[in-house]
N, C-alpha and C. Protein backbone atom coordinates (compact mmCIF):
# COMPACT_ATOMS: atom_id res chain seq x y z
N UNK A 1 0.78 -1.17 -0.06
CA UNK A 1 0.29 0.44 -0.14
C UNK A 1 0.88 1.20 0.22
N UNK A 2 0.59 1.98 -0.72
CA UNK A 2 1.51 3.31 -1.11
C UNK A 2 1.27 4.30 0.08
N UNK A 3 2.38 5.04 0.62
CA UNK A 3 2.46 5.90 2.20
C UNK A 3 3.46 7.02 1.17
N UNK A 4 3.50 7.88 2.50
CA UNK A 4 4.42 9.15 2.14
C UNK A 4 5.70 8.71 1.66
N UNK A 5 6.27 9.46 0.45
CA UNK A 5 7.58 9.29 -0.25
C UNK A 5 7.78 9.60 -1.40
N UNK A 6 8.38 8.89 -2.25
CA UNK A 6 8.78 9.30 -3.15
C UNK A 6 8.26 7.95 -4.31
N UNK A 7 7.66 8.54 -5.63
CA UNK A 7 6.89 6.95 -6.62
C UNK A 7 6.92 7.82 -7.69
N UNK A 8 7.13 6.98 -8.67
CA UNK A 8 7.51 7.34 -10.19
C UNK A 8 6.04 6.71 -11.05
N UNK A 9 5.72 7.99 -11.81
CA UNK A 9 4.36 8.15 -12.46
C UNK A 9 4.56 7.04 -13.25
N UNK A 10 2.99 7.07 -14.32
CA UNK A 10 3.01 5.73 -15.38
C UNK A 10 3.90 6.13 -16.43
N UNK A 11 4.39 7.55 -16.51
CA UNK A 11 4.91 8.49 -17.70
C UNK A 11 5.93 8.44 -17.07
N UNK A 12 6.47 8.33 -15.98
CA UNK A 12 8.33 7.93 -15.37
C UNK A 12 8.73 9.08 -14.66
N UNK A 13 7.53 10.36 -14.59
CA UNK A 13 7.96 11.66 -13.58
C UNK A 13 7.91 10.81 -12.42
N UNK A 14 8.91 11.74 -11.43
CA UNK A 14 8.85 11.10 -10.29
C UNK A 14 8.49 12.09 -8.74
N UNK A 15 7.43 12.05 -8.49
CA UNK A 15 6.58 12.88 -7.69
C UNK A 15 7.04 12.55 -6.07
N UNK A 16 7.05 13.27 -4.87
CA UNK A 16 6.59 13.22 -3.38
C UNK A 16 6.01 13.27 -3.35
N UNK A 17 4.86 12.87 -2.27
CA UNK A 17 3.65 12.22 -1.46
C UNK A 17 4.05 12.50 -0.06
N UNK A 18 3.60 13.49 0.60
CA UNK A 18 3.75 13.76 2.15
C UNK A 18 2.49 14.74 2.65
N UNK A 19 2.32 14.50 3.93
CA UNK A 19 1.06 14.84 4.87
C UNK A 19 0.85 16.53 4.44
N UNK A 20 -0.29 16.99 4.32
CA UNK A 20 0.05 18.68 4.38
C UNK A 20 -0.22 18.91 5.52
N UNK A 21 0.59 20.21 5.79
CA UNK A 21 -0.06 21.18 6.62
C UNK A 21 -0.57 22.45 6.68
N UNK A 22 -0.68 23.39 7.70
CA UNK A 22 -0.69 24.73 7.26
C UNK A 22 0.06 25.64 6.57
N UNK A 23 1.20 25.29 6.36
CA UNK A 23 2.25 25.82 5.93
C UNK A 23 2.27 25.68 4.21
N UNK A 24 1.03 24.68 3.79
CA UNK A 24 0.93 24.46 2.28
C UNK A 24 -0.40 25.17 2.08
N UNK A 25 -1.23 25.85 2.83
CA UNK A 25 -2.29 26.70 2.48
C UNK A 25 -2.07 27.73 1.30
N UNK A 26 -1.14 28.07 0.93
CA UNK A 26 -0.92 29.05 -0.15
C UNK A 26 -0.58 28.55 -1.39
N UNK A 27 0.05 26.99 -1.42
CA UNK A 27 0.54 26.57 -2.27
C UNK A 27 -0.57 25.60 -2.39
N UNK A 28 -1.30 25.02 -1.99
CA UNK A 28 -2.75 24.10 -2.70
C UNK A 28 -3.89 25.47 -3.36
N UNK A 29 -3.90 26.67 -2.56
CA UNK A 29 -4.54 27.63 -3.46
C UNK A 29 -3.81 27.96 -4.58
N UNK A 30 -2.20 27.69 -4.42
CA UNK A 30 -2.11 28.29 -6.24
C UNK A 30 -2.22 26.83 -6.59
N UNK A 31 -2.41 25.66 -6.54
CA UNK A 31 -2.62 24.55 -7.37
C UNK A 31 -4.07 24.70 -7.46
N UNK A 32 -5.08 25.02 -7.13
CA UNK A 32 -6.51 25.26 -7.49
C UNK A 32 -6.96 26.32 -8.26
N UNK A 33 -5.86 27.39 -8.10
CA UNK A 33 -5.59 28.37 -9.04
C UNK A 33 -5.32 28.26 -10.81
N UNK A 34 -4.56 27.59 -10.43
CA UNK A 34 -3.59 26.90 -11.99
C UNK A 34 -4.50 25.71 -13.03
N UNK A 35 -5.80 25.12 -12.17
CA UNK A 35 -6.18 24.58 -12.65
C UNK A 35 -7.22 24.89 -13.92
N UNK A 36 -7.44 24.22 -14.94
CA UNK A 36 -7.77 24.71 -15.85
C UNK A 36 -9.57 24.75 -15.91
N UNK A 37 -10.17 25.33 -16.22
CA UNK A 37 -12.18 25.85 -15.98
C UNK A 37 -12.17 24.47 -15.88
N UNK A 38 -12.29 23.46 -16.48
CA UNK A 38 -13.12 22.13 -16.48
C UNK A 38 -12.89 21.64 -15.48
N UNK A 39 -11.33 21.38 -15.28
CA UNK A 39 -11.03 20.66 -13.53
C UNK A 39 -11.45 21.19 -12.78
N UNK A 40 -11.73 22.56 -12.66
CA UNK A 40 -11.90 23.68 -11.12
C UNK A 40 -13.44 23.44 -10.82
N UNK A 41 -14.29 22.72 -12.07
CA UNK A 41 -15.17 22.40 -12.23
C UNK A 41 -15.74 21.20 -11.61
N UNK A 42 -14.60 20.14 -12.19
CA UNK A 42 -14.73 19.21 -11.72
C UNK A 42 -14.99 18.58 -10.28
N UNK A 43 -13.77 19.63 -9.86
CA UNK A 43 -13.33 19.14 -8.39
C UNK A 43 -14.56 20.29 -7.44
N UNK A 44 -14.87 21.45 -7.78
CA UNK A 44 -16.06 22.24 -6.86
C UNK A 44 -16.95 22.14 -7.07
N UNK A 45 -17.58 21.49 -8.37
CA UNK A 45 -18.82 21.48 -9.18
C UNK A 45 -19.10 23.23 -8.80
N UNK A 46 -18.50 24.02 -9.64
CA UNK A 46 -18.95 25.16 -9.81
C UNK A 46 -17.75 26.10 -10.26
N UNK A 47 -18.22 27.27 -11.11
CA UNK A 47 -17.33 27.91 -11.53
C UNK A 47 -16.07 28.56 -10.88
N UNK A 48 -14.99 29.64 -11.16
CA UNK A 48 -14.21 30.04 -10.75
C UNK A 48 -14.69 30.41 -9.62
N UNK A 49 -14.45 30.43 -8.41
CA UNK A 49 -14.77 31.85 -7.25
C UNK A 49 -13.16 33.24 -7.33
N UNK A 50 -13.79 33.59 -5.66
CA UNK A 50 -12.53 34.68 -5.88
C UNK A 50 -11.50 33.94 -4.99
N UNK A 51 -10.37 35.10 -5.15
CA UNK A 51 -9.11 34.10 -4.65
C UNK A 51 -9.48 33.93 -3.04
N UNK A 52 -10.21 34.97 -2.19
CA UNK A 52 -10.63 34.70 -0.89
C UNK A 52 -10.87 33.28 -0.75
N UNK A 53 -12.52 33.05 -1.94
CA UNK A 53 -12.59 31.64 -1.28
C UNK A 53 -12.00 30.34 -1.84
N UNK A 54 -10.82 30.98 -2.81
CA UNK A 54 -10.07 29.86 -2.83
C UNK A 54 -8.78 29.36 -1.70
N UNK A 55 -8.99 30.51 -1.28
CA UNK A 55 -8.33 30.42 -0.35
C UNK A 55 -8.44 29.85 1.23
N UNK A 56 -9.56 30.15 1.44
CA UNK A 56 -10.81 29.53 2.13
C UNK A 56 -10.90 27.60 1.69
N UNK A 57 -10.62 27.51 0.59
CA UNK A 57 -10.56 26.45 0.05
C UNK A 57 -9.51 25.54 0.53
N UNK A 58 -8.69 26.23 0.53
CA UNK A 58 -6.91 25.48 0.29
C UNK A 58 -6.92 25.07 2.17
N UNK A 59 -7.44 25.52 3.00
CA UNK A 59 -7.57 25.54 4.50
C UNK A 59 -6.95 23.82 4.66
N UNK A 60 -6.25 23.21 5.31
CA UNK A 60 -6.24 22.19 5.84
C UNK A 60 -6.04 22.20 7.47
N UNK A 61 -5.70 23.35 7.61
CA UNK A 61 -5.64 23.27 9.58
C UNK A 61 -7.00 23.27 10.15
N UNK A 62 -7.60 22.27 9.88
CA UNK A 62 -8.84 22.00 10.88
C UNK A 62 -8.77 20.37 11.25
N UNK A 63 -9.37 20.32 12.18
CA UNK A 63 -9.20 19.35 12.98
C UNK A 63 -9.47 17.61 12.37
N UNK A 64 -10.81 18.45 11.22
CA UNK A 64 -11.61 17.18 10.60
C UNK A 64 -10.88 16.78 9.10
N UNK A 65 -9.77 17.75 8.94
CA UNK A 65 -9.01 17.15 7.65
C UNK A 65 -7.82 16.41 7.63
N UNK A 66 -7.87 15.37 6.73
CA UNK A 66 -6.87 14.80 6.27
C UNK A 66 -6.18 14.71 5.21
N UNK A 67 -4.93 15.94 4.57
CA UNK A 67 -4.92 16.28 3.32
C UNK A 67 -3.21 15.50 2.91
N UNK A 68 -3.39 15.46 2.02
CA UNK A 68 -1.89 14.81 1.37
C UNK A 68 -1.91 15.46 0.24
N UNK A 69 -0.23 15.79 -0.43
CA UNK A 69 0.03 16.87 -1.51
C UNK A 69 1.34 15.85 -1.97
N UNK A 70 1.25 16.33 -3.20
CA UNK A 70 2.06 15.42 -4.15
C UNK A 70 3.07 16.66 -4.76
N UNK A 71 3.80 16.75 -4.92
CA UNK A 71 4.90 17.53 -5.79
C UNK A 71 6.32 16.93 -6.48
N UNK A 72 6.23 17.45 -7.72
CA UNK A 72 7.81 17.07 -8.53
C UNK A 72 8.46 16.98 -7.50
N UNK A 73 9.57 15.80 -7.60
CA UNK A 73 10.67 15.43 -7.07
C UNK A 73 11.62 16.53 -6.58
N UNK A 74 11.79 17.18 -8.06
CA UNK A 74 12.89 18.31 -8.54
C UNK A 74 12.20 19.63 -8.08
N UNK A 75 10.88 20.07 -7.67
CA UNK A 75 10.51 21.04 -6.92
C UNK A 75 9.57 20.92 -6.16
N UNK A 76 9.78 20.75 -5.05
CA UNK A 76 9.17 20.29 -3.86
C UNK A 76 8.14 21.72 -2.83
N UNK A 77 8.14 22.60 -3.86
CA UNK A 77 7.42 23.90 -3.64
C UNK A 77 6.04 24.04 -4.41
N UNK A 78 6.23 23.37 -5.39
CA UNK A 78 5.19 23.65 -6.51
C UNK A 78 4.02 22.10 -6.83
N UNK A 79 3.24 22.21 -5.85
CA UNK A 79 2.27 21.54 -5.93
C UNK A 79 1.59 20.98 -7.60
N UNK A 80 1.96 18.90 -7.58
CA UNK A 80 1.10 18.80 -8.72
C UNK A 80 -0.17 18.13 -8.26
N UNK A 81 -0.18 17.81 -7.10
CA UNK A 81 -1.73 17.36 -6.87
C UNK A 81 -2.25 17.29 -5.15
N UNK A 82 -3.26 17.45 -4.59
CA UNK A 82 -3.68 17.45 -2.95
C UNK A 82 -4.97 16.45 -2.95
N UNK A 83 -5.05 15.97 -2.29
CA UNK A 83 -6.31 14.98 -1.50
C UNK A 83 -6.49 14.97 -0.27
N UNK A 84 -7.80 14.77 0.22
CA UNK A 84 -7.87 14.89 1.43
C UNK A 84 -9.36 14.34 1.68
N UNK A 85 -9.55 13.96 2.92
CA UNK A 85 -11.02 13.78 3.25
C UNK A 85 -11.26 14.11 4.64
N UNK A 86 -12.64 14.74 4.64
CA UNK A 86 -12.92 15.27 5.98
C UNK A 86 -14.25 14.58 6.25
N UNK A 87 -13.84 14.49 8.03
CA UNK A 87 -14.63 13.80 8.46
C UNK A 87 -16.07 14.08 8.76
N UNK A 88 -17.47 13.38 8.40
CA UNK A 88 -18.46 14.12 8.72
C UNK A 88 -19.30 13.70 10.04
N UNK A 89 -18.64 12.71 11.32
CA UNK A 89 -19.16 12.92 12.58
C UNK A 89 -20.40 11.57 12.18
N UNK A 90 -20.39 10.83 10.73
CA UNK A 90 -21.11 9.65 10.85
C UNK A 90 -20.45 8.36 11.07
N UNK A 91 -19.17 8.32 11.46
CA UNK A 91 -18.49 7.20 10.69
C UNK A 91 -18.00 7.29 9.28
N UNK A 92 -18.36 8.44 8.61
CA UNK A 92 -17.51 8.44 7.23
C UNK A 92 -17.03 9.98 7.38
N UNK A 93 -16.17 9.72 5.94
CA UNK A 93 -15.42 11.28 5.37
C UNK A 93 -15.34 11.22 4.16
N UNK A 94 -15.64 12.48 3.60
CA UNK A 94 -15.74 12.90 2.59
C UNK A 94 -14.58 13.01 1.48
N UNK A 95 -14.18 12.60 0.59
CA UNK A 95 -12.74 12.47 -0.37
C UNK A 95 -13.35 13.92 -1.01
N UNK A 96 -11.89 14.37 -1.88
CA UNK A 96 -12.01 15.09 -2.85
C UNK A 96 -10.87 15.12 -3.30
N UNK A 97 -10.09 15.25 -4.49
CA UNK A 97 -9.46 15.37 -5.03
C UNK A 97 -8.67 16.44 -6.20
N UNK A 98 -7.27 17.05 -6.21
CA UNK A 98 -7.03 18.00 -7.16
C UNK A 98 -5.97 17.45 -7.97
N UNK A 99 -5.85 17.32 -9.13
CA UNK A 99 -4.71 16.86 -9.68
C UNK A 99 -4.34 17.97 -10.97
N UNK A 100 -3.42 18.49 -11.02
CA UNK A 100 -3.05 19.74 -12.14
C UNK A 100 -3.21 19.17 -13.58
N UNK A 101 -3.66 19.79 -14.51
CA UNK A 101 -4.35 19.12 -16.15
C UNK A 101 -2.77 18.87 -16.23
N UNK A 102 -1.44 18.74 -16.56
CA UNK A 102 -0.55 18.31 -16.78
C UNK A 102 0.06 16.97 -16.23
N UNK A 103 -1.13 16.61 -15.11
CA UNK A 103 -0.61 15.56 -14.11
C UNK A 103 -1.48 14.10 -14.14
N UNK A 104 -2.61 14.93 -14.88
CA UNK A 104 -3.99 13.69 -14.95
C UNK A 104 -3.42 12.76 -15.83
N UNK A 105 -4.11 11.44 -15.63
CA UNK A 105 -4.01 10.70 -16.29
C UNK A 105 -2.64 9.67 -16.35
N UNK A 106 -1.92 9.83 -15.20
CA UNK A 106 -0.07 9.39 -14.69
C UNK A 106 -0.71 8.46 -13.71
N UNK A 107 -1.72 8.35 -13.18
CA UNK A 107 -1.42 7.43 -12.14
C UNK A 107 -1.72 8.02 -10.39
N UNK A 108 -1.53 9.25 -10.46
CA UNK A 108 -1.19 10.04 -9.58
C UNK A 108 -2.65 10.09 -8.51
N UNK A 109 -3.41 9.99 -9.00
CA UNK A 109 -4.66 10.14 -8.42
C UNK A 109 -4.73 8.90 -7.77
N UNK A 110 -4.38 8.16 -8.14
CA UNK A 110 -4.47 6.32 -7.67
C UNK A 110 -3.50 6.30 -6.27
N UNK A 111 -2.24 6.64 -6.99
CA UNK A 111 -1.46 6.97 -5.66
C UNK A 111 -2.14 7.94 -4.27
N UNK A 112 -2.41 8.77 -4.43
CA UNK A 112 -3.24 9.13 -3.50
C UNK A 112 -4.52 8.87 -2.40
N UNK A 113 -5.02 8.34 -3.85
CA UNK A 113 -6.58 7.31 -3.14
C UNK A 113 -6.17 6.50 -2.35
N UNK A 114 -4.96 5.45 -2.74
CA UNK A 114 -4.46 4.44 -1.79
C UNK A 114 -4.03 4.89 -0.34
N UNK A 115 -3.51 6.25 -0.43
CA UNK A 115 -2.73 6.73 1.02
C UNK A 115 -3.71 6.98 1.64
N UNK A 116 -5.26 7.88 1.35
CA UNK A 116 -5.98 8.19 1.99
C UNK A 116 -6.96 7.26 2.62
N UNK A 117 -7.26 5.95 1.62
CA UNK A 117 -8.12 5.23 2.32
C UNK A 117 -7.11 4.11 3.39
N UNK A 118 -5.60 4.19 3.28
CA UNK A 118 -4.94 3.20 4.13
C UNK A 118 -5.48 4.16 5.62
N UNK A 119 -4.83 5.44 5.28
CA UNK A 119 -4.73 6.03 6.95
C UNK A 119 -6.17 6.50 7.03
N UNK A 120 -7.45 6.61 6.58
CA UNK A 120 -8.49 5.85 7.12
C UNK A 120 -8.74 5.03 7.64
N UNK A 121 -8.23 3.94 7.21
CA UNK A 121 -8.68 2.70 7.60
C UNK A 121 -7.39 2.41 9.18
N UNK A 122 -6.44 3.23 9.27
CA UNK A 122 -5.74 2.88 10.40
C UNK A 122 -6.34 4.05 11.60
N UNK A 123 -7.24 4.95 11.10
CA UNK A 123 -7.96 5.68 12.06
C UNK A 123 -9.14 5.16 12.44
N UNK A 124 -9.43 3.87 12.34
CA UNK A 124 -10.93 3.56 12.32
C UNK A 124 -12.07 3.47 11.60
N UNK A 125 -11.76 4.43 10.33
CA UNK A 125 -13.19 4.92 9.65
C UNK A 125 -13.15 3.62 8.25
N UNK A 126 -14.10 3.03 8.49
CA UNK A 126 -14.63 2.10 7.57
C UNK A 126 -14.67 2.64 5.71
N UNK A 127 -15.72 3.42 6.19
CA UNK A 127 -16.69 4.16 4.70
C UNK A 127 -15.78 5.40 4.38
N UNK A 128 -15.76 5.77 3.06
CA UNK A 128 -15.74 6.71 2.57
C UNK A 128 -16.07 7.73 1.63
N UNK A 129 -16.66 8.63 1.15
CA UNK A 129 -17.66 9.13 0.35
C UNK A 129 -17.03 10.15 -0.23
N UNK A 130 -17.76 10.37 -1.81
CA UNK A 130 -17.46 11.38 -2.96
C UNK A 130 -18.48 11.67 -3.32
N UNK A 131 -18.63 13.06 -3.22
CA UNK A 131 -19.83 13.57 -4.09
C UNK A 131 -19.61 14.02 -5.55
N UNK A 132 -19.24 13.73 -6.66
CA UNK A 132 -18.99 14.06 -8.05
C UNK A 132 -19.99 14.07 -8.83
N UNK A 133 -19.49 14.63 -9.81
CA UNK A 133 -20.36 14.50 -11.15
C UNK A 133 -20.57 14.29 -11.79
N UNK A 134 -21.60 13.36 -12.26
CA UNK A 134 -21.31 12.39 -13.61
C UNK A 134 -20.78 12.16 -14.40
N UNK A 135 -20.76 13.35 -15.07
CA UNK A 135 -20.20 13.22 -16.14
C UNK A 135 -18.21 13.22 -15.63
N UNK A 136 -18.44 13.37 -14.30
CA UNK A 136 -16.80 12.91 -14.00
C UNK A 136 -15.66 11.48 -14.34
N UNK A 137 -15.53 11.46 -15.57
CA UNK A 137 -15.51 9.85 -15.88
C UNK A 137 -14.08 9.57 -15.34
N UNK A 138 -13.24 10.27 -14.91
CA UNK A 138 -12.04 9.89 -14.17
C UNK A 138 -12.21 9.59 -13.00
N UNK A 139 -12.87 10.25 -12.22
CA UNK A 139 -13.38 10.16 -10.43
C UNK A 139 -14.48 8.74 -10.82
N UNK A 140 -14.76 8.09 -11.43
CA UNK A 140 -15.53 7.17 -11.32
C UNK A 140 -14.79 6.23 -11.20
N UNK A 141 -13.70 6.36 -12.32
CA UNK A 141 -12.87 5.04 -12.69
C UNK A 141 -11.72 5.07 -11.56
N UNK A 142 -11.88 5.80 -11.06
CA UNK A 142 -10.61 6.09 -9.88
C UNK A 142 -11.09 5.28 -8.88
N UNK A 143 -12.36 5.77 -8.22
CA UNK A 143 -12.67 4.35 -7.50
C UNK A 143 -13.60 2.99 -7.87
N UNK A 144 -14.02 2.92 -8.44
CA UNK A 144 -13.67 1.58 -9.47
C UNK A 144 -13.08 0.47 -8.56
N UNK A 145 -12.26 0.58 -8.62
CA UNK A 145 -11.50 -0.33 -7.93
C UNK A 145 -11.63 -1.08 -6.53
N UNK A 146 -12.32 0.17 -5.93
CA UNK A 146 -13.00 -0.06 -4.47
C UNK A 146 -14.49 -0.44 -4.42
N UNK A 147 -15.09 -0.41 -5.59
CA UNK A 147 -16.32 -1.08 -5.36
C UNK A 147 -17.07 -0.17 -4.79
N UNK A 148 -17.37 1.08 -5.39
CA UNK A 148 -18.28 2.14 -4.75
C UNK A 148 -19.89 1.82 -4.78
N UNK A 149 -20.21 2.38 -3.97
CA UNK A 149 -21.43 2.06 -4.38
C UNK A 149 -22.12 3.58 -3.91
N UNK A 150 -23.69 3.45 -4.38
CA UNK A 150 -24.39 4.79 -4.73
C UNK A 150 -25.18 4.65 -3.13
N UNK A 151 -24.76 5.60 -2.87
CA UNK A 151 -25.08 6.05 -1.03
C UNK A 151 -26.31 6.63 -1.32
N UNK A 152 -26.69 7.80 -1.82
CA UNK A 152 -27.51 8.43 -2.53
C UNK A 152 -28.01 8.62 -3.38
N UNK A 153 -29.39 9.13 -3.79
CA UNK A 153 -29.86 9.06 -4.78
C UNK A 153 -29.56 10.62 -5.63
N UNK A 154 -29.34 10.50 -6.62
CA UNK A 154 -28.73 11.48 -7.89
C UNK A 154 -29.72 12.39 -7.82
N UNK A 155 -30.61 13.54 -6.86
CA UNK A 155 -31.30 14.13 -7.44
C UNK A 155 -31.74 14.68 -8.24
N UNK A 156 -30.32 15.73 -8.77
CA UNK A 156 -30.46 16.71 -9.40
C UNK A 156 -29.59 16.60 -11.00
N UNK A 157 -29.95 15.17 -10.97
CA UNK A 157 -29.45 14.52 -12.63
C UNK A 157 -28.25 15.03 -12.69
N UNK A 158 -26.98 15.61 -11.94
CA UNK A 158 -25.99 15.62 -12.35
C UNK A 158 -24.61 15.30 -11.74
N UNK A 159 -25.27 14.77 -10.27
CA UNK A 159 -23.87 14.38 -9.55
C UNK A 159 -24.20 13.29 -8.60
N UNK A 160 -23.41 12.28 -7.68
CA UNK A 160 -24.23 11.25 -7.16
C UNK A 160 -23.08 11.27 -5.84
N UNK A 161 -23.85 10.84 -4.64
CA UNK A 161 -22.72 10.48 -3.71
C UNK A 161 -22.76 9.05 -3.64
N UNK A 162 -21.13 8.62 -3.90
CA UNK A 162 -20.81 7.10 -3.73
C UNK A 162 -20.04 6.98 -2.92
N UNK A 163 -19.83 5.98 -2.26
CA UNK A 163 -19.35 5.53 -0.88
C UNK A 163 -18.17 4.55 -1.38
N UNK A 164 -16.91 4.31 -0.75
CA UNK A 164 -15.80 2.65 -0.69
C UNK A 164 -15.66 2.51 0.78
N UNK A 165 -15.64 1.46 0.60
CA UNK A 165 -15.03 0.77 1.76
C UNK A 165 -12.99 0.67 1.69
N UNK A 166 -13.20 0.92 3.56
CA UNK A 166 -11.54 0.89 3.53
C UNK A 166 -10.99 -0.11 4.05
N UNK A 167 -12.19 -0.98 3.86
CA UNK A 167 -11.45 -2.79 4.68
C UNK A 167 -11.47 -3.64 3.96
N UNK A 168 -12.25 -3.05 2.34
CA UNK A 168 -12.66 -4.60 1.28
C UNK A 168 -14.09 -4.88 1.42
N UNK A 169 -14.66 -4.95 0.34
CA UNK A 169 -15.63 -5.40 0.42
C UNK A 169 -16.53 -4.20 -0.24
N UNK A 170 -17.87 -4.85 -0.24
CA UNK A 170 -18.87 -3.50 -0.33
C UNK A 170 -19.25 -2.63 1.64
N UNK A 171 -19.36 -1.49 0.73
CA UNK A 171 -19.52 -0.84 2.15
C UNK A 171 -20.50 -0.71 3.04
N UNK A 172 -20.36 -0.89 4.50
CA UNK A 172 -21.51 -0.97 4.64
C UNK A 172 -22.35 0.17 4.99
N UNK A 173 -23.57 -0.54 5.85
CA UNK A 173 -24.37 1.31 6.54
C UNK A 173 -23.82 2.26 7.27
N UNK A 174 -24.02 3.00 7.46
CA UNK A 174 -23.58 3.42 8.63
C UNK A 174 -24.27 3.34 10.16
N UNK A 175 -23.59 3.17 10.88
CA UNK A 175 -24.10 3.33 12.38
C UNK A 175 -25.59 4.00 12.33
N UNK A 176 -25.79 4.64 11.74
CA UNK A 176 -26.95 6.12 12.39
C UNK A 176 -28.20 5.33 11.48
N UNK A 177 -28.01 4.44 10.34
CA UNK A 177 -28.78 4.01 9.97
C UNK A 177 -29.17 2.35 10.85
N UNK A 178 -30.87 2.96 11.26
CA UNK A 178 -31.80 1.99 12.22
C UNK A 178 -32.47 1.03 11.66
N UNK A 179 -32.87 1.97 10.18
CA UNK A 179 -34.21 0.95 9.29
C UNK A 179 -33.72 -0.29 9.20
N UNK A 180 -34.57 -0.85 8.10
CA UNK A 180 -34.36 -1.79 7.14
C UNK A 180 -33.71 -1.37 6.16
N UNK A 181 -32.78 -2.60 5.74
CA UNK A 181 -31.84 -2.14 4.52
C UNK A 181 -31.79 -2.93 3.32
N UNK A 182 -32.16 -2.44 2.24
CA UNK A 182 -31.86 -3.37 0.86
C UNK A 182 -30.96 -2.78 0.19
N UNK A 183 -30.55 -3.67 -0.63
CA UNK A 183 -29.19 -3.52 -1.67
C UNK A 183 -29.89 -4.37 -3.02
N UNK A 184 -29.58 -2.72 -3.60
CA UNK A 184 -30.36 -3.33 -5.44
C UNK A 184 -29.22 -3.35 -6.51
N UNK A 185 -29.23 -4.49 -7.09
CA UNK A 185 -28.03 -4.35 -7.77
C UNK A 185 -28.38 -4.05 -9.28
N UNK A 186 -26.92 -3.46 -9.83
CA UNK A 186 -27.48 -3.62 -11.21
C UNK A 186 -28.63 -1.59 -11.69
N UNK A 187 -29.39 -1.38 -10.49
CA UNK A 187 -29.61 0.03 -10.42
C UNK A 187 -29.21 1.09 -11.36
N UNK A 188 -30.20 2.07 -11.75
CA UNK A 188 -29.45 3.61 -12.22
C UNK A 188 -28.90 4.49 -11.45
N UNK A 189 -28.66 5.40 -11.63
CA UNK A 189 -28.32 6.71 -11.36
C UNK A 189 -29.14 7.24 -10.50
N UNK A 190 -30.37 6.88 -10.80
CA UNK A 190 -31.37 7.93 -10.59
C UNK A 190 -32.40 6.85 -9.59
N UNK A 191 -33.52 7.02 -8.85
CA UNK A 191 -34.50 5.96 -8.43
C UNK A 191 -35.31 6.06 -9.38
N UNK A 192 -35.67 4.78 -9.42
CA UNK A 192 -36.85 4.67 -10.46
C UNK A 192 -38.50 4.18 -9.18
N UNK A 193 -39.42 3.98 -10.00
CA UNK A 193 -40.41 3.79 -8.52
C UNK A 193 -40.28 2.94 -7.60
N UNK A 194 -39.74 1.71 -8.02
CA UNK A 194 -39.75 0.15 -7.41
C UNK A 194 -38.82 0.91 -6.29
N UNK A 195 -37.69 1.68 -6.56
CA UNK A 195 -36.55 2.09 -5.56
C UNK A 195 -37.41 3.05 -4.85
N UNK A 196 -38.00 4.12 -5.33
CA UNK A 196 -38.64 5.07 -4.45
C UNK A 196 -39.68 4.67 -3.68
N UNK A 197 -40.38 3.13 -3.95
CA UNK A 197 -41.40 2.98 -2.77
C UNK A 197 -41.02 2.09 -1.56
N UNK A 198 -39.50 1.54 -2.17
CA UNK A 198 -38.67 1.09 -0.84
C UNK A 198 -38.15 2.37 -0.10
N UNK A 199 -37.57 3.67 -0.73
CA UNK A 199 -37.75 4.02 0.28
C UNK A 199 -38.85 4.92 1.44
N UNK A 200 -39.62 5.22 0.59
CA UNK A 200 -40.66 5.92 1.41
C UNK A 200 -41.10 4.64 2.30
N UNK A 201 -40.92 3.44 2.14
CA UNK A 201 -41.44 2.35 3.07
C UNK A 201 -40.70 2.65 4.12
N UNK A 202 -39.87 3.13 4.38
CA UNK A 202 -38.86 3.36 5.37
C UNK A 202 -37.28 2.58 5.23
N UNK A 203 -36.70 2.48 3.99
CA UNK A 203 -36.07 1.39 3.67
C UNK A 203 -34.77 2.04 3.51
N UNK A 204 -33.03 2.03 3.76
CA UNK A 204 -32.29 2.30 3.22
C UNK A 204 -31.69 1.87 1.86
N UNK A 205 -32.10 2.20 0.92
CA UNK A 205 -30.97 1.57 0.03
C UNK A 205 -30.42 1.87 -0.73
N UNK A 206 -29.43 1.17 -0.74
CA UNK A 206 -27.92 1.18 -1.79
C UNK A 206 -27.95 0.19 -3.23
């Protein structure tokens, strides 16, 4: 399993992964600012915000945030990627990934995900979730090896909440889910009449 240190990407470039700290806020903000419009929208599901908002997004000096950054081996001050999870308070944490356009498709996202999954598992978290755009094929591909499940219906026809397990297999239900549970295989992104009927009857459908 990947951990902090130096790694070589599929295209031969070397990167260094390490835990992010408060001193990285400006570098993370710069990373966000250097994203293409399309990559920024995929990450934040919004248009380009003001510099002050970008700076707020970049903060990792918060108790609930675990962040890992990657930089080119020869240029440690300039980040190629940042990934984090934010504790949600219900035994899960929400994932987010930012990879500079010039580093996309080289396997860097996979390295970062492996690190976050490992750290989440070591801290006792069994499930991680990500709210992503249905058009974000790279993110769907990134999560696929972990066997994601659709945790919440995609009500707005553009985003979905997916969960993966940090311990293998299908992610379990949260401890707060006290009702009856149903797994629906090969369902679509959006709830059909049968799925909605199950939800209306009090079932937690995944």
